[in-house]
Amino acid sequence: MEHWSIHRVSRPRNLAVYGAQQDLQKAEILRRNAMLNLEPPIDSNITTWKIIQEKVVQPSPTTCIPRPRLHRLLEQSLGSCTSTVISGRAGSGKTTLAIDFAEQCGRAVAWYKVDAPESRLSLFFQYLISSIAAQRPGFGDYALNALVKIEPNVNQIPRLAELFVFELELVSGNPLLVVIEDLHLVCDSDWLVPFFRRLLPLLPSDVHVLITSRTMLPAPLWRMRSKQTLSVIDEEILSFTRDEAFRLFEHYGLNHDQANIALDHSHGRAAAISSLAATLYFAESEAFQSEPLTRPFNSGSGIV
C-alpha cells in the first residue's frame, strides 16, 4: 500500500491562516483516507445527505424599477469594505436589491439561501462551500470539506475561518461576490459570531460577502462597521424616497398625487408601495376597459 505523509503547510500570504496548521493536518488525514477509500473515524459524526441545488443557485433577475441610490451604496461598499449587510423586515426589499446588484456587479456570484435547519455547522458550511465551489472549482477540496465533517468545536471556529480564507487564496479566480441570504435564521448558532468575526476582516481583496438578514446581526459583528470592514444598509435606507416613489408610479402610468398617498400609507416599504402601485394600475386599467366608447374612433390617433 502507498504510504501518505502529512506535509508541513507552507506559510500563506495571510499570516493568520498559518495558525490553522494543526487543524489542516487533521483534515488532511481524512482527505487522504477518502482517496484510499478508507472508512472515516467512528466518532466523526459524518452523515450522508445531498445538497439541494436550488439553494445555491443565483435567483433570476427581477423586473422592478432600478434604484441607483442603493446601487451606488453597494458599489461604494464593494470598493471600501470586505462585507455588506442588508438588514430589514420582510417586505423591505432586501432580497430584490441583492438579486439586482448581483446581476449588475460584474463579478462571479456564489449564492446561498439559508434555512433554519442549517444552524448545524456541518450543514451550513457544506452549502456555503458548495456555492463557492460552483464559481471556483476545487474550493474546499484541499482540507476545508474534511475539517467541516469532523464538526470542529467552538474554540476551533476562528481557525476554520482562517482555513476558509486560505482556500479562497489557494483557489483563485474571477472577483467573487458571496451572497448569504436570510442569515437571521441561524443567528443563534454558537459558531456564527466567532466565524464571521474572524472571517470578514481577513477576506481577500477580490472577495466580498453580502448578507441579508431580517434582524440586526449580533453586536460583535455590528461593531465591525467602525473598522471599515462591514457596511450596513438598514431598513431606513431601503425605504423608498419620494423621487423613487414618483418613478415607480410613472412606470405604471400613475400620477404623483397617487404616489404621495401610497408613500405615506406604506411608509416607503418596498413590498407595500409596489403592491399599491400595481393594484392602482390594474384597477384603473379595468375601469378604462369597462367604459363604453362614447366618442368616434380615429384609427390614426386612438381615442379622441
Protein backbone atom coordinates (compact mmCIF):
# COMPACT_ATOMS: atom_id res chain seq x y z
CA MET A 1 0.00 0.00 0.00
CA GLU A 2 1.17 3.51 -0.76
CA HIS A 3 2.06 5.49 2.35
CA TRP A 4 0.86 9.03 2.79
CA SER A 5 2.60 11.58 4.95
CA ILE A 6 1.38 14.91 6.24
CA HIS A 7 3.39 17.71 4.73
CA ARG A 8 4.02 20.94 6.55
CA VAL A 9 1.73 23.62 5.15
CA SER A 10 3.70 26.49 3.69
CA ARG A 11 3.15 29.88 5.29
CA PRO A 12 0.42 31.64 3.24
CA ARG A 13 0.32 35.32 2.43
CA ASN A 14 -2.26 35.93 5.15
CA LEU A 15 -0.35 35.30 8.39
CA ALA A 16 -3.47 34.49 10.40
CA VAL A 17 -4.08 31.42 8.23
CA TYR A 18 -0.82 29.93 9.46
CA GLY A 19 -2.40 29.28 12.86
CA ALA A 20 -4.73 26.68 11.32
CA GLN A 21 -1.87 24.27 10.56
CA GLN A 22 -2.80 21.72 13.22
CA ASP A 23 -6.39 21.53 12.03
CA LEU A 24 -5.18 21.33 8.45
CA GLN A 25 -3.20 18.23 9.33
CA LYS A 26 -6.21 16.56 10.94
CA ALA A 27 -8.33 17.37 7.92
CA GLU A 28 -5.59 16.12 5.62
CA ILE A 29 -5.77 12.71 7.30
CA LEU A 30 -9.47 12.46 6.42
CA ARG A 31 -8.78 13.65 2.88
CA ARG A 32 -6.10 11.00 2.34
CA ASN A 33 -8.36 8.32 3.82
CA ALA A 34 -11.08 9.28 1.37
CA MET A 35 -8.65 8.99 -1.54
CA LEU A 36 -7.74 5.47 -0.38
CA ASN A 37 -11.40 4.54 0.19
CA LEU A 38 -10.76 4.03 3.89
CA GLU A 39 -13.54 4.32 6.45
CA PRO A 40 -13.77 7.60 8.39
CA PRO A 41 -13.21 7.53 12.16
CA ILE A 42 -16.12 6.03 14.07
CA ASP A 43 -16.74 9.22 16.03
CA SER A 44 -16.53 11.56 13.05
CA ASN A 45 -20.36 12.01 13.03
CA ILE A 46 -20.48 12.13 9.22
CA THR A 47 -23.94 11.71 7.72
CA THR A 48 -24.97 11.15 4.14
CA TRP A 49 -27.19 13.78 2.54
CA LYS A 50 -27.49 15.67 -0.71
CA ILE A 51 -27.16 19.36 -1.44
CA ILE A 52 -30.44 20.97 -2.58
CA GLN A 53 -29.11 22.72 -5.65
CA GLU A 54 -31.85 25.36 -5.75
CA LYS A 55 -30.42 26.80 -2.52
CA VAL A 56 -27.04 27.53 -4.09
CA VAL A 57 -28.22 28.94 -7.42
CA GLN A 58 -28.38 32.67 -8.14
CA PRO A 59 -32.05 33.72 -8.48
CA SER A 60 -33.33 35.11 -11.77
CA PRO A 61 -33.26 38.91 -12.23
CA THR A 62 -36.31 40.84 -11.06
CA THR A 63 -38.44 43.20 -13.15
CA CYS A 64 -38.56 46.02 -10.60
CA ILE A 65 -37.54 49.57 -11.43
CA PRO A 66 -33.83 50.33 -10.86
CA ARG A 67 -32.84 52.18 -7.69
CA PRO A 68 -29.50 53.86 -8.47
CA ARG A 69 -29.21 55.34 -4.97
CA LEU A 70 -28.96 51.89 -3.37
CA HIS A 71 -26.73 50.52 -6.11
CA ARG A 72 -24.27 53.37 -5.53
CA LEU A 73 -24.12 52.49 -1.83
CA LEU A 74 -23.39 48.86 -2.66
CA GLU A 75 -20.71 49.85 -5.17
CA GLN A 76 -19.05 52.02 -2.52
CA SER A 77 -19.12 49.14 -0.07
CA LEU A 78 -17.68 46.80 -2.67
CA GLY A 79 -14.72 49.11 -3.07
CA SER A 80 -14.07 50.03 0.56
CA CYS A 81 -15.23 47.13 2.77
CA THR A 82 -14.95 43.35 2.79
CA SER A 83 -18.63 42.80 3.51
CA THR A 84 -22.12 44.32 3.42
CA VAL A 85 -25.23 43.57 5.45
CA ILE A 86 -28.68 44.44 4.09
CA SER A 87 -30.99 44.42 7.09
CA GLY A 88 -34.75 44.87 7.29
CA ARG A 89 -38.06 43.21 7.98
CA ALA A 90 -39.89 41.05 5.46
CA GLY A 91 -41.01 43.15 2.51
CA SER A 92 -38.36 45.84 2.90
CA GLY A 93 -36.67 44.93 -0.40
CA LYS A 94 -33.53 43.14 0.85
CA THR A 95 -33.56 40.18 -1.50
CA THR A 96 -34.69 42.20 -4.52
CA LEU A 97 -31.79 44.59 -4.03
CA ALA A 98 -29.32 41.74 -3.56
CA ILE A 99 -30.56 39.98 -6.72
CA ASP A 100 -30.37 43.12 -8.84
CA PHE A 101 -26.93 44.09 -7.57
CA ALA A 102 -25.57 40.57 -8.05
CA GLU A 103 -26.77 40.68 -11.65
CA GLN A 104 -25.05 44.00 -12.36
CA CYS A 105 -21.91 43.95 -10.19
CA GLY A 106 -19.67 42.38 -12.85
CA ARG A 107 -18.44 39.63 -10.50
CA ALA A 108 -18.93 35.90 -10.33
CA VAL A 109 -21.71 35.25 -7.81
CA ALA A 110 -21.88 32.48 -5.21
CA TRP A 111 -25.41 32.45 -3.77
CA TYR A 112 -26.58 30.56 -0.68
CA LYS A 113 -30.18 30.68 0.61
CA VAL A 114 -30.07 29.79 4.32
CA ASP A 115 -32.82 27.80 6.06
CA ALA A 116 -33.28 27.21 9.80
CA PRO A 117 -32.06 23.56 9.87
CA GLU A 118 -28.65 24.78 8.75
CA SER A 119 -27.89 26.11 12.21
CA ARG A 120 -25.85 22.92 12.43
CA LEU A 121 -22.31 23.85 11.47
CA SER A 122 -21.65 20.99 9.06
CA LEU A 123 -24.83 21.67 7.06
CA PHE A 124 -24.26 25.43 6.81
CA PHE A 125 -20.66 25.11 5.67
CA GLN A 126 -21.26 22.35 3.17
CA TYR A 127 -23.86 24.56 1.47
CA LEU A 128 -21.61 27.62 1.63
CA ILE A 129 -18.62 25.69 0.30
CA SER A 130 -20.75 24.21 -2.49
CA SER A 131 -21.96 27.64 -3.60
CA ILE A 132 -18.40 29.00 -3.80
CA ALA A 133 -17.04 25.86 -5.46
CA ALA A 134 -19.55 26.34 -8.28
CA GLN A 135 -17.68 29.56 -9.14
CA ARG A 136 -14.20 28.49 -8.03
CA PRO A 137 -13.86 24.77 -8.76
CA GLY A 138 -11.73 22.99 -6.21
CA PHE A 139 -12.62 25.27 -3.32
CA GLY A 140 -12.93 23.18 -0.17
CA ASP A 141 -11.10 20.16 -1.61
CA TYR A 142 -7.72 20.84 -0.02
CA ALA A 143 -8.86 20.38 3.58
CA LEU A 144 -11.90 22.53 4.33
CA ASN A 145 -14.54 19.91 3.47
CA ALA A 146 -12.81 17.32 5.61
CA LEU A 147 -12.46 19.68 8.57
CA VAL A 148 -16.14 20.65 8.44
CA LYS A 149 -17.16 17.00 8.54
CA ILE A 150 -15.38 16.38 11.84
CA GLU A 151 -17.56 19.08 13.46
CA PRO A 152 -14.95 21.42 14.97
CA ASN A 153 -15.87 22.80 18.38
CA VAL A 154 -16.48 26.47 19.13
CA ASN A 155 -12.87 27.08 20.13
CA GLN A 156 -11.73 25.88 16.71
CA ILE A 157 -14.09 28.14 14.72
CA PRO A 158 -11.60 31.01 14.27
CA ARG A 159 -9.15 28.56 12.73
CA LEU A 160 -11.93 27.27 10.49
CA ALA A 161 -12.35 30.86 9.27
CA GLU A 162 -8.61 31.13 8.64
CA LEU A 163 -8.66 27.92 6.64
CA PHE A 164 -11.65 29.27 4.70
CA VAL A 165 -9.58 32.33 3.72
CA PHE A 166 -6.57 30.15 2.93
CA GLU A 167 -8.57 28.15 0.39
CA LEU A 168 -10.06 31.30 -1.14
CA GLU A 169 -6.49 32.44 -1.79
CA LEU A 170 -5.39 28.98 -2.87
CA VAL A 171 -8.14 28.59 -5.49
CA SER A 172 -8.10 31.98 -7.17
CA GLY A 173 -10.46 33.08 -9.91
CA ASN A 174 -12.60 35.97 -11.06
CA PRO A 175 -13.58 38.55 -8.44
CA LEU A 176 -16.32 36.97 -6.34
CA LEU A 177 -19.50 38.19 -4.64
CA VAL A 178 -20.69 35.72 -1.99
CA VAL A 179 -24.36 36.29 -1.15
CA ILE A 180 -25.73 34.70 2.03
CA GLU A 181 -29.50 35.19 2.07
CA ASP A 182 -31.54 35.12 5.30
CA LEU A 183 -28.65 34.66 7.73
CA HIS A 184 -31.01 35.62 10.58
CA LEU A 185 -32.38 32.07 10.51
CA VAL A 186 -29.16 30.76 12.07
CA CYS A 187 -28.07 33.81 14.10
CA ASP A 188 -28.48 31.95 17.40
CA SER A 189 -25.84 29.37 16.44
CA ASP A 190 -22.84 29.41 18.76
CA TRP A 191 -20.37 29.21 15.85
CA LEU A 192 -21.73 32.18 13.89
CA VAL A 193 -20.15 35.12 15.70
CA PRO A 194 -16.65 33.61 16.09
CA PHE A 195 -16.63 32.53 12.44
CA PHE A 196 -17.73 35.80 10.84
CA ARG A 197 -15.80 37.94 13.32
CA ARG A 198 -12.63 36.18 12.19
CA LEU A 199 -13.54 35.76 8.52
CA LEU A 200 -14.69 39.21 7.45
CA PRO A 201 -11.52 41.19 8.26
CA LEU A 202 -9.35 38.54 6.54
CA LEU A 203 -11.21 38.23 3.24
CA PRO A 204 -9.05 38.60 0.12
CA SER A 205 -9.48 41.86 -1.80
CA ASP A 206 -11.24 40.07 -4.68
CA VAL A 207 -13.95 38.51 -2.45
CA HIS A 208 -16.90 40.42 -0.96
CA VAL A 209 -19.59 38.91 1.28
CA LEU A 210 -23.14 40.28 1.01
CA ILE A 211 -25.52 39.19 3.79
CA THR A 212 -29.28 39.72 4.00
CA SER A 213 -30.99 39.45 7.39
CA ARG A 214 -34.35 40.36 8.91
CA THR A 215 -32.71 41.14 12.22
CA MET A 216 -29.65 43.06 13.30
CA LEU A 217 -26.58 40.87 13.45
CA PRO A 218 -25.16 40.11 16.91
CA ALA A 219 -23.37 43.08 18.49
CA PRO A 220 -19.79 41.80 18.00
CA LEU A 221 -20.38 41.78 14.24
CA TRP A 222 -22.34 45.04 14.20
CA ARG A 223 -19.38 46.84 15.78
CA MET A 224 -17.23 45.95 12.78
CA ARG A 225 -18.81 48.92 10.98
CA SER A 226 -16.42 51.28 12.76
CA LYS A 227 -13.42 49.36 11.42
CA GLN A 228 -14.45 49.79 7.77
CA THR A 229 -14.85 46.04 7.50
CA LEU A 230 -18.64 45.97 7.39
CA SER A 231 -21.07 48.27 5.58
CA VAL A 232 -24.73 48.27 6.62
CA ILE A 233 -27.82 49.12 4.59
CA ASP A 234 -30.70 49.12 7.05
CA GLU A 235 -34.47 49.38 6.66
CA GLU A 236 -34.48 53.16 6.80
CA ILE A 237 -32.06 53.33 3.87
CA LEU A 238 -34.04 50.65 1.99
CA SER A 239 -37.26 52.69 2.21
CA PHE A 240 -38.44 54.39 -0.97
CA THR A 241 -37.71 58.09 -1.20
CA ARG A 242 -40.32 60.39 -2.70
CA ASP A 243 -38.44 60.59 -6.00
CA GLU A 244 -38.21 56.79 -6.16
CA ALA A 245 -41.95 56.56 -5.47
CA PHE A 246 -42.61 59.02 -8.31
CA ARG A 247 -40.54 56.91 -10.72
CA LEU A 248 -42.31 53.74 -9.64
CA PHE A 249 -45.77 55.23 -10.20
CA GLU A 250 -44.71 56.81 -13.51
CA HIS A 251 -43.66 53.32 -14.58
CA TYR A 252 -47.28 52.25 -14.11
CA GLY A 253 -48.68 55.37 -15.77
CA LEU A 254 -49.89 56.76 -12.46
CA ASN A 255 -49.56 60.32 -11.16
CA HIS A 256 -47.54 61.93 -8.39
CA ASP A 257 -50.55 62.54 -6.15
CA GLN A 258 -51.22 58.83 -6.09
CA ALA A 259 -47.52 58.21 -5.36
CA ASN A 260 -47.56 60.64 -2.43
CA ILE A 261 -50.60 58.97 -0.87
CA ALA A 262 -49.10 55.49 -1.34
CA LEU A 263 -45.75 56.57 0.11
CA ASP A 264 -47.37 57.96 3.24
CA HIS A 265 -49.57 54.90 3.63
CA SER A 266 -46.74 52.35 3.12
CA HIS A 267 -44.01 54.30 4.94
CA GLY A 268 -41.82 53.57 1.94
CA ARG A 269 -41.57 49.81 2.44
CA ALA A 270 -40.77 48.26 -0.91
CA ALA A 271 -43.30 45.44 -0.99
CA ALA A 272 -46.16 47.61 0.27
CA ILE A 273 -45.66 50.55 -2.10
CA SER A 274 -45.06 48.25 -5.09
CA SER A 275 -48.27 46.37 -4.27
CA LEU A 276 -50.22 49.63 -4.04
CA ALA A 277 -48.87 50.82 -7.39
CA ALA A 278 -49.75 47.54 -9.09
CA THR A 279 -53.23 47.48 -7.51
CA LEU A 280 -53.99 51.02 -8.66
CA TYR A 281 -52.70 50.26 -12.14
CA PHE A 282 -54.89 47.20 -12.60
CA ALA A 283 -57.90 48.93 -11.06
CA GLU A 284 -57.58 51.86 -13.45
CA SER A 285 -56.96 49.53 -16.40
CA GLU A 286 -60.12 47.54 -15.67
CA ALA A 287 -62.12 50.72 -15.19
CA PHE A 288 -60.86 52.08 -18.51
CA GLN A 289 -61.66 48.85 -20.36
CA SER A 290 -65.16 48.71 -18.93
CA GLU A 291 -66.06 52.28 -20.05
CA PRO A 292 -68.20 52.37 -23.24
CA LEU A 293 -66.80 54.27 -26.21
CA THR A 294 -68.93 57.40 -26.45
CA ARG A 295 -66.86 59.29 -28.97
CA PRO A 296 -65.92 58.49 -32.56
CA PHE A 297 -62.79 56.40 -33.11
CA ASN A 298 -59.97 57.78 -35.24
CA SER A 299 -57.76 54.92 -36.47
CA GLY A 300 -54.76 57.23 -36.70
CA SER A 301 -54.70 58.56 -33.16
CA GLY A 302 -56.57 56.16 -30.85
CA ILE A 303 -59.41 57.50 -28.74
CA VAL A 304 -60.18 61.16 -29.49
